[in-house]
Amino acid sequence: MYQFSYAEIQQDDVAESKDRERQVLDRSIALLGQAQAAGPKSREAIEAIYFTNRVWMRFIEDLNSPENELEAQLRANLISVGLWILREGEKIRKGESENFQGIIDISAIIRDGLK
């Protein structure tokens, strides 16, 4: 019988977490693309902004957690990115912006960095 070491199990958990984060960012990016095509006042835009806000609020919460093992400067940078995305989403919601592409581009960069 093969026994897994704690380090192997922990590494699998990290890989699974990164995969889930990539999947949720993929979903956010897809929704934002649909919203961009439908327009900022569309039902698609409301759904995309709501989903993206939930994703980034959760990421920020995790990044603020003392258990988060990322380097402090990286965590701070990611929190800043998340806050920018939340602000841009709010501007779109208020009709002050149509910057779906900016959110899509930044989200894609973050997603691609999770590999």
N, C-alpha and C. Protein backbone atom coordinates (compact mmCIF):
# COMPACT_ATOMS: atom_id res chain seq x y z
N MET A 1 0.84 -1.17 0.00
CA MET A 1 0.00 0.00 0.00
C MET A 1 0.89 1.24 0.00
N TYR A 2 0.58 2.17 -0.87
CA TYR A 2 1.35 3.40 -0.98
C TYR A 2 0.84 4.41 0.03
N GLN A 3 1.73 5.03 0.74
CA GLN A 3 1.34 6.05 1.70
C GLN A 3 1.82 7.41 1.19
N PHE A 4 0.92 8.36 1.22
CA PHE A 4 1.25 9.72 0.80
C PHE A 4 1.89 10.46 1.96
N SER A 5 2.90 11.22 1.63
CA SER A 5 3.50 12.07 2.66
C SER A 5 2.63 13.31 2.83
N TYR A 6 2.75 13.93 3.96
CA TYR A 6 2.00 15.16 4.22
C TYR A 6 2.32 16.21 3.16
N ALA A 7 3.59 16.33 2.77
CA ALA A 7 3.99 17.32 1.77
C ALA A 7 3.31 17.05 0.43
N GLU A 8 3.19 15.76 0.05
CA GLU A 8 2.52 15.43 -1.21
C GLU A 8 1.04 15.80 -1.16
N ILE A 9 0.40 15.50 -0.06
CA ILE A 9 -1.02 15.83 0.09
C ILE A 9 -1.21 17.34 0.08
N GLN A 10 -0.35 18.04 0.78
CA GLN A 10 -0.44 19.49 0.83
C GLN A 10 -0.22 20.09 -0.56
N GLN A 11 0.72 19.54 -1.32
CA GLN A 11 0.99 20.02 -2.67
C GLN A 11 -0.22 19.79 -3.57
N ASP A 12 -0.89 18.64 -3.42
CA ASP A 12 -2.10 18.36 -4.19
C ASP A 12 -3.18 19.37 -3.87
N ASP A 13 -3.33 19.72 -2.59
CA ASP A 13 -4.33 20.70 -2.19
C ASP A 13 -4.04 22.05 -2.83
N VAL A 14 -2.79 22.45 -2.89
CA VAL A 14 -2.41 23.73 -3.51
C VAL A 14 -2.74 23.68 -5.00
N ALA A 15 -2.40 22.58 -5.66
CA ALA A 15 -2.68 22.44 -7.10
C ALA A 15 -4.18 22.47 -7.36
N GLU A 16 -4.96 21.80 -6.52
CA GLU A 16 -6.41 21.80 -6.67
C GLU A 16 -6.98 23.20 -6.44
N SER A 17 -6.46 23.90 -5.46
CA SER A 17 -6.92 25.27 -5.18
C SER A 17 -6.63 26.18 -6.36
N LYS A 18 -5.43 26.09 -6.91
CA LYS A 18 -5.08 26.91 -8.07
C LYS A 18 -5.97 26.58 -9.26
N ASP A 19 -6.27 25.30 -9.43
CA ASP A 19 -7.15 24.90 -10.54
C ASP A 19 -8.54 25.50 -10.35
N ARG A 20 -9.07 25.44 -9.14
CA ARG A 20 -10.39 26.04 -8.87
C ARG A 20 -10.36 27.54 -9.10
N GLU A 21 -9.29 28.19 -8.68
CA GLU A 21 -9.17 29.63 -8.89
C GLU A 21 -9.11 29.96 -10.38
N ARG A 22 -8.38 29.17 -11.15
CA ARG A 22 -8.34 29.37 -12.61
C ARG A 22 -9.73 29.18 -13.21
N GLN A 23 -10.44 28.16 -12.76
CA GLN A 23 -11.78 27.91 -13.29
C GLN A 23 -12.73 29.06 -12.99
N VAL A 24 -12.68 29.58 -11.78
CA VAL A 24 -13.58 30.67 -11.42
C VAL A 24 -13.21 31.95 -12.19
N LEU A 25 -11.93 32.18 -12.41
CA LEU A 25 -11.52 33.33 -13.22
C LEU A 25 -11.93 33.14 -14.68
N ASP A 26 -11.82 31.91 -15.20
CA ASP A 26 -12.30 31.62 -16.55
C ASP A 26 -13.79 31.96 -16.68
N ARG A 27 -14.56 31.56 -15.68
CA ARG A 27 -16.00 31.83 -15.70
C ARG A 27 -16.27 33.33 -15.65
N SER A 28 -15.55 34.03 -14.80
CA SER A 28 -15.69 35.48 -14.70
C SER A 28 -15.36 36.15 -16.03
N ILE A 29 -14.28 35.74 -16.65
CA ILE A 29 -13.85 36.30 -17.93
C ILE A 29 -14.90 36.03 -19.01
N ALA A 30 -15.44 34.83 -19.03
CA ALA A 30 -16.48 34.48 -20.01
C ALA A 30 -17.72 35.35 -19.82
N LEU A 31 -18.14 35.51 -18.57
CA LEU A 31 -19.31 36.34 -18.29
C LEU A 31 -19.06 37.79 -18.67
N LEU A 32 -17.88 38.29 -18.39
CA LEU A 32 -17.54 39.67 -18.74
C LEU A 32 -17.52 39.86 -20.26
N GLY A 33 -17.06 38.86 -20.99
CA GLY A 33 -17.08 38.92 -22.45
C GLY A 33 -18.50 38.99 -22.99
N GLN A 34 -19.39 38.19 -22.42
CA GLN A 34 -20.79 38.23 -22.82
C GLN A 34 -21.40 39.58 -22.48
N ALA A 35 -21.05 40.11 -21.32
CA ALA A 35 -21.57 41.42 -20.89
C ALA A 35 -21.08 42.52 -21.82
N GLN A 36 -19.83 42.44 -22.20
CA GLN A 36 -19.27 43.45 -23.10
C GLN A 36 -20.03 43.45 -24.42
N ALA A 37 -20.35 42.27 -24.93
CA ALA A 37 -21.10 42.17 -26.18
C ALA A 37 -22.54 42.66 -26.03
N ALA A 38 -23.14 42.42 -24.88
CA ALA A 38 -24.54 42.78 -24.66
C ALA A 38 -24.71 44.25 -24.23
N GLY A 39 -23.67 44.84 -23.67
CA GLY A 39 -23.74 46.23 -23.24
C GLY A 39 -23.84 46.40 -21.74
N PRO A 40 -23.43 47.57 -21.25
CA PRO A 40 -23.32 47.78 -19.80
C PRO A 40 -24.66 47.82 -19.05
N LYS A 41 -25.75 48.00 -19.72
CA LYS A 41 -27.06 48.04 -19.05
C LYS A 41 -27.80 46.71 -19.16
N SER A 42 -27.15 45.71 -19.68
CA SER A 42 -27.80 44.42 -19.93
C SER A 42 -27.85 43.53 -18.68
N ARG A 43 -28.71 42.53 -18.75
CA ARG A 43 -28.77 41.52 -17.69
C ARG A 43 -27.43 40.80 -17.58
N GLU A 44 -26.78 40.56 -18.73
CA GLU A 44 -25.47 39.90 -18.74
C GLU A 44 -24.43 40.72 -17.97
N ALA A 45 -24.50 42.04 -18.12
CA ALA A 45 -23.56 42.91 -17.40
C ALA A 45 -23.78 42.83 -15.89
N ILE A 46 -25.04 42.84 -15.49
CA ILE A 46 -25.36 42.74 -14.06
C ILE A 46 -24.83 41.42 -13.50
N GLU A 47 -25.09 40.33 -14.21
CA GLU A 47 -24.63 39.02 -13.74
C GLU A 47 -23.11 38.94 -13.70
N ALA A 48 -22.46 39.47 -14.74
CA ALA A 48 -20.99 39.42 -14.80
C ALA A 48 -20.35 40.23 -13.67
N ILE A 49 -20.86 41.42 -13.45
CA ILE A 49 -20.30 42.26 -12.39
C ILE A 49 -20.56 41.64 -11.02
N TYR A 50 -21.75 41.12 -10.82
CA TYR A 50 -22.07 40.48 -9.54
C TYR A 50 -21.15 39.29 -9.29
N PHE A 51 -20.99 38.42 -10.29
CA PHE A 51 -20.13 37.24 -10.14
C PHE A 51 -18.67 37.66 -9.90
N THR A 52 -18.19 38.60 -10.70
CA THR A 52 -16.80 39.05 -10.59
C THR A 52 -16.55 39.69 -9.22
N ASN A 53 -17.50 40.47 -8.74
CA ASN A 53 -17.36 41.06 -7.40
C ASN A 53 -17.26 39.98 -6.33
N ARG A 54 -18.11 38.98 -6.41
CA ARG A 54 -18.07 37.89 -5.42
C ARG A 54 -16.72 37.18 -5.45
N VAL A 55 -16.22 36.92 -6.65
CA VAL A 55 -14.93 36.25 -6.80
C VAL A 55 -13.83 37.07 -6.14
N TRP A 56 -13.76 38.35 -6.47
CA TRP A 56 -12.66 39.17 -5.97
C TRP A 56 -12.81 39.50 -4.50
N MET A 57 -14.03 39.62 -4.01
CA MET A 57 -14.19 39.82 -2.56
C MET A 57 -13.68 38.60 -1.81
N ARG A 58 -13.94 37.41 -2.34
CA ARG A 58 -13.45 36.18 -1.71
C ARG A 58 -11.93 36.09 -1.79
N PHE A 59 -11.37 36.44 -2.96
CA PHE A 59 -9.91 36.43 -3.10
C PHE A 59 -9.28 37.40 -2.10
N ILE A 60 -9.83 38.61 -2.00
CA ILE A 60 -9.28 39.61 -1.08
C ILE A 60 -9.37 39.12 0.36
N GLU A 61 -10.50 38.51 0.70
CA GLU A 61 -10.66 37.95 2.05
C GLU A 61 -9.58 36.91 2.32
N ASP A 62 -9.34 36.03 1.36
CA ASP A 62 -8.31 35.01 1.53
C ASP A 62 -6.91 35.63 1.60
N LEU A 63 -6.66 36.62 0.77
CA LEU A 63 -5.34 37.26 0.78
C LEU A 63 -5.07 37.99 2.10
N ASN A 64 -6.12 38.45 2.76
CA ASN A 64 -5.97 39.13 4.06
C ASN A 64 -5.83 38.15 5.22
N SER A 65 -6.08 36.90 4.98
CA SER A 65 -6.04 35.91 6.03
C SER A 65 -4.60 35.67 6.52
N PRO A 66 -4.43 35.57 7.84
CA PRO A 66 -3.08 35.28 8.36
C PRO A 66 -2.56 33.91 7.93
N GLU A 67 -3.46 33.01 7.55
CA GLU A 67 -3.04 31.68 7.10
C GLU A 67 -2.53 31.67 5.67
N ASN A 68 -2.76 32.75 4.92
CA ASN A 68 -2.31 32.80 3.54
C ASN A 68 -0.79 32.83 3.53
N GLU A 69 -0.19 31.92 2.77
CA GLU A 69 1.26 31.75 2.80
C GLU A 69 1.99 32.49 1.68
N LEU A 70 1.27 33.26 0.87
CA LEU A 70 1.95 34.04 -0.16
C LEU A 70 2.80 35.12 0.50
N GLU A 71 3.82 35.53 -0.20
CA GLU A 71 4.68 36.62 0.26
C GLU A 71 3.83 37.87 0.47
N ALA A 72 4.14 38.63 1.50
CA ALA A 72 3.34 39.80 1.88
C ALA A 72 3.20 40.81 0.74
N GLN A 73 4.27 41.07 0.02
CA GLN A 73 4.22 42.06 -1.08
C GLN A 73 3.32 41.56 -2.21
N LEU A 74 3.39 40.28 -2.53
CA LEU A 74 2.52 39.71 -3.56
C LEU A 74 1.06 39.80 -3.14
N ARG A 75 0.80 39.47 -1.88
CA ARG A 75 -0.57 39.57 -1.37
C ARG A 75 -1.08 41.00 -1.48
N ALA A 76 -0.25 41.95 -1.09
CA ALA A 76 -0.64 43.36 -1.16
C ALA A 76 -0.93 43.78 -2.61
N ASN A 77 -0.08 43.33 -3.53
CA ASN A 77 -0.30 43.66 -4.94
C ASN A 77 -1.60 43.06 -5.46
N LEU A 78 -1.86 41.81 -5.10
CA LEU A 78 -3.10 41.16 -5.55
C LEU A 78 -4.33 41.82 -4.94
N ILE A 79 -4.22 42.24 -3.70
CA ILE A 79 -5.33 42.96 -3.06
C ILE A 79 -5.58 44.27 -3.81
N SER A 80 -4.52 44.98 -4.18
CA SER A 80 -4.67 46.22 -4.95
C SER A 80 -5.36 45.96 -6.29
N VAL A 81 -4.96 44.89 -6.95
CA VAL A 81 -5.60 44.52 -8.22
C VAL A 81 -7.08 44.24 -7.99
N GLY A 82 -7.38 43.47 -6.95
CA GLY A 82 -8.76 43.14 -6.65
C GLY A 82 -9.60 44.36 -6.35
N LEU A 83 -9.04 45.30 -5.61
CA LEU A 83 -9.77 46.54 -5.30
C LEU A 83 -10.02 47.36 -6.56
N TRP A 84 -9.04 47.37 -7.46
CA TRP A 84 -9.23 48.07 -8.74
C TRP A 84 -10.36 47.43 -9.53
N ILE A 85 -10.39 46.10 -9.59
CA ILE A 85 -11.45 45.40 -10.32
C ILE A 85 -12.81 45.71 -9.70
N LEU A 86 -12.89 45.71 -8.38
CA LEU A 86 -14.15 46.04 -7.72
C LEU A 86 -14.59 47.47 -8.05
N ARG A 87 -13.65 48.41 -8.06
CA ARG A 87 -13.99 49.81 -8.40
C ARG A 87 -14.45 49.94 -9.85
N GLU A 88 -13.75 49.25 -10.75
CA GLU A 88 -14.14 49.30 -12.16
C GLU A 88 -15.53 48.69 -12.37
N GLY A 89 -15.79 47.60 -11.69
CA GLY A 89 -17.11 46.98 -11.77
C GLY A 89 -18.20 47.92 -11.29
N GLU A 90 -17.91 48.65 -10.22
CA GLU A 90 -18.87 49.61 -9.68
C GLU A 90 -19.10 50.75 -10.67
N LYS A 91 -18.05 51.21 -11.32
CA LYS A 91 -18.20 52.26 -12.33
C LYS A 91 -19.09 51.78 -13.48
N ILE A 92 -18.90 50.54 -13.90
CA ILE A 92 -19.74 49.98 -14.96
C ILE A 92 -21.18 49.92 -14.49
N ARG A 93 -21.38 49.44 -13.29
CA ARG A 93 -22.73 49.32 -12.74
C ARG A 93 -23.44 50.67 -12.69
N LYS A 94 -22.69 51.72 -12.36
CA LYS A 94 -23.27 53.07 -12.26
C LYS A 94 -23.40 53.76 -13.61
N GLY A 95 -22.92 53.13 -14.68
CA GLY A 95 -22.98 53.75 -16.00
C GLY A 95 -21.88 54.76 -16.25
N GLU A 96 -20.84 54.74 -15.43
CA GLU A 96 -19.73 55.68 -15.56
C GLU A 96 -18.59 55.14 -16.42
N SER A 97 -18.67 53.88 -16.79
CA SER A 97 -17.60 53.23 -17.54
C SER A 97 -18.17 52.05 -18.31
N GLU A 98 -17.43 51.65 -19.33
CA GLU A 98 -17.72 50.41 -20.07
C GLU A 98 -16.45 49.58 -20.17
N ASN A 99 -15.60 49.66 -19.17
CA ASN A 99 -14.27 49.05 -19.21
C ASN A 99 -14.29 47.55 -18.90
N PHE A 100 -15.15 46.82 -19.56
CA PHE A 100 -15.14 45.36 -19.40
C PHE A 100 -13.78 44.79 -19.82
N GLN A 101 -13.22 45.33 -20.91
CA GLN A 101 -11.98 44.77 -21.45
C GLN A 101 -10.83 44.90 -20.46
N GLY A 102 -10.77 46.01 -19.73
CA GLY A 102 -9.72 46.17 -18.73
C GLY A 102 -9.81 45.11 -17.65
N ILE A 103 -11.03 44.84 -17.18
CA ILE A 103 -11.23 43.81 -16.16
C ILE A 103 -10.89 42.43 -16.73
N ILE A 104 -11.31 42.19 -17.96
CA ILE A 104 -11.01 40.91 -18.62
C ILE A 104 -9.50 40.72 -18.73
N ASP A 105 -8.80 41.74 -19.21
CA ASP A 105 -7.35 41.63 -19.40
C ASP A 105 -6.61 41.37 -18.10
N ILE A 106 -6.95 42.12 -17.05
CA ILE A 106 -6.28 41.94 -15.76
C ILE A 106 -6.61 40.57 -15.17
N SER A 107 -7.87 40.16 -15.28
CA SER A 107 -8.26 38.84 -14.77
C SER A 107 -7.53 37.73 -15.50
N ALA A 108 -7.35 37.89 -16.81
CA ALA A 108 -6.63 36.88 -17.59
C ALA A 108 -5.16 36.80 -17.18
N ILE A 109 -4.56 37.94 -16.89
CA ILE A 109 -3.16 37.96 -16.43
C ILE A 109 -3.04 37.21 -15.10
N ILE A 110 -3.96 37.49 -14.19
CA ILE A 110 -3.94 36.82 -12.89
C ILE A 110 -4.17 35.32 -13.07
N ARG A 111 -5.16 34.96 -13.87
CA ARG A 111 -5.44 33.54 -14.14
C ARG A 111 -4.22 32.84 -14.70
N ASP A 112 -3.58 33.46 -15.69
CA ASP A 112 -2.41 32.84 -16.33
C ASP A 112 -1.24 32.71 -15.36
N GLY A 113 -1.19 33.58 -14.36
CA GLY A 113 -0.12 33.50 -13.36
C GLY A 113 -0.32 32.39 -12.34
N LEU A 114 -1.48 31.76 -12.35
CA LEU A 114 -1.77 30.68 -11.39
C LEU A 114 -1.24 29.33 -11.84
N LYS A 115 -0.55 29.25 -12.95
CA LYS A 115 -0.07 27.97 -13.47
C LYS A 115 1.14 27.46 -12.76
